[in-house]
C-alpha atoms as a PDB file:
ATOM      1  CA  UNK A   1      31.593  41.728 178.429  1.00  0.00           C
ATOM      2  CA  UNK A   2      31.752  38.546 176.351  1.00  0.00           C
ATOM      3  CA  UNK A   3      28.787  36.335 175.415  1.00  0.00           C
ATOM      4  CA  UNK A   4      29.339  33.840 178.236  1.00  0.00           C
ATOM      5  CA  UNK A   5      29.375  36.650 180.813  1.00  0.00           C
ATOM      6  CA  UNK A   6      26.205  38.142 179.332  1.00  0.00           C
ATOM      7  CA  UNK A   7      24.432  34.770 179.462  1.00  0.00           C
ATOM      8  CA  UNK A   8      25.399  34.447 183.149  1.00  0.00           C
ATOM      9  CA  UNK A   9      24.067  37.950 183.844  1.00  0.00           C
ATOM     10  CA  UNK A  10      20.880  37.049 181.963  1.00  0.00           C
ATOM     11  CA  UNK A  11      20.403  34.062 184.289  1.00  0.00           C
ATOM     12  CA  UNK A  12      20.682  36.378 187.301  1.00  0.00           C
ATOM     13  CA  UNK A  13      18.190  38.867 185.881  1.00  0.00           C
ATOM     14  CA  UNK A  14      15.619  36.211 184.959  1.00  0.00           C
ATOM     15  CA  UNK A  15      15.828  34.848 188.499  1.00  0.00           C
ATOM     16  CA  UNK A  16      15.457  38.369 189.921  1.00  0.00           C
ATOM     17  CA  UNK A  17      12.472  39.339 187.761  1.00  0.00           C
ATOM     18  CA  UNK A  18      10.839  35.986 187.130  1.00  0.00           C
ATOM     19  CA  UNK A  19       8.871  33.520 189.169  1.00  0.00           C
ATOM     20  CA  UNK A  20      10.134  30.165 190.371  1.00  0.00           C
ATOM     21  CA  UNK A  21       8.419  27.129 188.892  1.00  0.00           C
ATOM     22  CA  UNK A  22       7.807  23.774 190.644  1.00  0.00           C
ATOM     23  CA  UNK A  23      10.433  22.106 188.425  1.00  0.00           C
ATOM     24  CA  UNK A  24      13.141  24.564 189.560  1.00  0.00           C
ATOM     25  CA  UNK A  25      13.066  26.695 186.419  1.00  0.00           C
ATOM     26  CA  UNK A  26      12.204  30.411 186.357  1.00  0.00           C
ATOM     27  CA  UNK A  27       9.791  32.218 184.014  1.00  0.00           C
ATOM     28  CA  UNK A  28       9.548  35.857 183.010  1.00  0.00           C
ATOM     29  CA  UNK A  29       7.843  37.583 180.098  1.00  0.00           C
ATOM     30  CA  UNK A  30       9.903  39.305 177.438  1.00  0.00           C
ATOM     31  CA  UNK A  31       8.098  42.575 178.163  1.00  0.00           C
ATOM     32  CA  UNK A  32       9.118  42.550 181.836  1.00  0.00           C
ATOM     33  CA  UNK A  33      12.729  41.734 180.948  1.00  0.00           C
ATOM     34  CA  UNK A  34      12.899  44.278 178.122  1.00  0.00           C
ATOM     35  CA  UNK A  35      11.348  47.157 180.077  1.00  0.00           C
ATOM     36  CA  UNK A  36      13.431  46.673 183.237  1.00  0.00           C
ATOM     37  CA  UNK A  37      15.856  49.585 183.744  1.00  0.00           C
ATOM     38  CA  UNK A  38      18.605  47.406 185.195  1.00  0.00           C
ATOM     39  CA  UNK A  39      18.458  45.036 182.208  1.00  0.00           C
ATOM     40  CA  UNK A  40      18.508  47.988 179.826  1.00  0.00           C
ATOM     41  CA  UNK A  41      21.757  49.152 181.450  1.00  0.00           C
ATOM     42  CA  UNK A  42      23.367  45.696 181.474  1.00  0.00           C
ATOM     43  CA  UNK A  43      22.501  44.361 178.029  1.00  0.00           C
ATOM     44  CA  UNK A  44      23.467  46.323 174.959  1.00  0.00           C
ATOM     45  CA  UNK A  45      21.574  43.821 172.803  1.00  0.00           C
ATOM     46  CA  UNK A  46      19.105  41.868 174.948  1.00  0.00           C
ATOM     47  CA  UNK A  47      17.611  40.019 171.972  1.00  0.00           C
ATOM     48  CA  UNK A  48      21.085  38.863 170.895  1.00  0.00           C
ATOM     49  CA  UNK A  49      21.884  37.670 174.418  1.00  0.00           C
ATOM     50  CA  UNK A  50      18.575  35.779 174.542  1.00  0.00           C
ATOM     51  CA  UNK A  51      19.334  34.094 171.208  1.00  0.00           C
ATOM     52  CA  UNK A  52      22.803  33.089 172.429  1.00  0.00           C
ATOM     53  CA  UNK A  53      21.300  31.680 175.641  1.00  0.00           C
ATOM     54  CA  UNK A  54      18.667  29.763 173.666  1.00  0.00           C
ATOM     55  CA  UNK A  55      21.329  28.308 171.384  1.00  0.00           C
ATOM     56  CA  UNK A  56      23.217  27.113 174.505  1.00  0.00           C
ATOM     57  CA  UNK A  57      19.954  25.616 175.874  1.00  0.00           C
ATOM     58  CA  UNK A  58      20.039  27.907 178.915  1.00  0.00           C
ATOM     59  CA  UNK A  59      16.635  29.431 178.130  1.00  0.00           C
ATOM     60  CA  UNK A  60      13.691  28.523 175.961  1.00  0.00           C
ATOM     61  CA  UNK A  61      10.931  30.594 174.367  1.00  0.00           C
ATOM     62  CA  UNK A  62       8.558  30.443 171.403  1.00  0.00           C
ATOM     63  CA  UNK A  63       9.935  31.668 168.094  1.00  0.00           C
ATOM     64  CA  UNK A  64      13.358  32.825 166.998  1.00  0.00           C
ATOM     65  CA  UNK A  65      13.293  36.610 167.283  1.00  0.00           C
ATOM     66  CA  UNK A  66      11.521  38.567 170.013  1.00  0.00           C
ATOM     67  CA  UNK A  67      10.390  42.129 169.314  1.00  0.00           C
ATOM     68  CA  UNK A  68       9.286  44.743 171.831  1.00  0.00           C
ATOM     69  CA  UNK A  69       5.530  45.235 171.822  1.00  0.00           C
ATOM     70  CA  UNK A  70       4.725  42.296 169.560  1.00  0.00           C
ATOM     71  CA  UNK A  71       6.219  39.659 171.883  1.00  0.00           C
ATOM     72  CA  UNK A  72       5.839  41.318 175.312  1.00  0.00           C
ATOM     73  CA  UNK A  73       3.711  38.403 176.591  1.00  0.00           C
ATOM     74  CA  UNK A  74       6.041  35.619 175.413  1.00  0.00           C
ATOM     75  CA  UNK A  75       7.407  33.638 178.348  1.00  0.00           C
ATOM     76  CA  UNK A  76      11.144  33.085 178.631  1.00  0.00           C
ATOM     77  CA  UNK A  77      11.996  30.054 180.746  1.00  0.00           C
ATOM     78  CA  UNK A  78      15.378  29.759 182.441  1.00  0.00           C
ATOM     79  CA  UNK A  79      16.212  26.058 182.281  1.00  0.00           C
ATOM     80  CA  UNK A  80      19.526  26.232 184.148  1.00  0.00           C
ATOM     81  CA  UNK A  81      19.269  28.501 187.191  1.00  0.00           C
ATOM     82  CA  UNK A  82      22.526  30.067 188.286  1.00  0.00           C
ATOM     83  CA  UNK A  83      24.241  27.652 190.636  1.00  0.00           C
ATOM     84  CA  UNK A  84      25.669  28.620 194.005  1.00  0.00           C
ATOM     85  CA  UNK A  85      29.321  29.617 194.056  1.00  0.00           C
ATOM     86  CA  UNK A  86      31.558  26.690 195.006  1.00  0.00           C
ATOM     87  CA  UNK A  87      32.407  28.300 198.351  1.00  0.00           C
ATOM     88  CA  UNK A  88      28.738  28.325 199.361  1.00  0.00           C
ATOM     89  CA  UNK A  89      28.243  24.707 198.331  1.00  0.00           C
ATOM     90  CA  UNK A  90      31.302  23.681 200.321  1.00  0.00           C
ATOM     91  CA  UNK A  91      29.966  25.462 203.403  1.00  0.00           C
ATOM     92  CA  UNK A  92      26.888  23.217 203.410  1.00  0.00           C
ATOM     93  CA  UNK A  93      28.971  20.047 203.216  1.00  0.00           C
ATOM     94  CA  UNK A  94      29.810  18.630 206.653  1.00  0.00           C
ATOM     95  CA  UNK A  95      33.538  18.740 207.439  1.00  0.00           C
ATOM     96  CA  UNK A  96      35.485  15.485 207.175  1.00  0.00           C
ATOM     97  CA  UNK A  97      36.230  13.659 210.423  1.00  0.00           C
ATOM     98  CA  UNK A  98      39.708  14.747 211.517  1.00  0.00           C
ATOM     99  CA  UNK A  99      40.392  11.693 213.691  1.00  0.00           C
END
């Protein structure tokens, strides 16, 4: 899995584990993300994936490096929730008038 794929998977996991915010973002603590079994199986290097996502401005969090235990209560905010697949978006668009 390349970095872009991992960042997309990270978006999915933050939405699954986190809570939706009024501005459309999602928040989860590092401890919840790190201790989740599914995340442990997906991400070989969660901290590296988080840093890559932060660099791409997909997520934000305090500090540069998050460590288990020390930073368990640090909030990670997903700024760009995963968008709907194009097929789903097209399904909500009314069909063009055929006449």
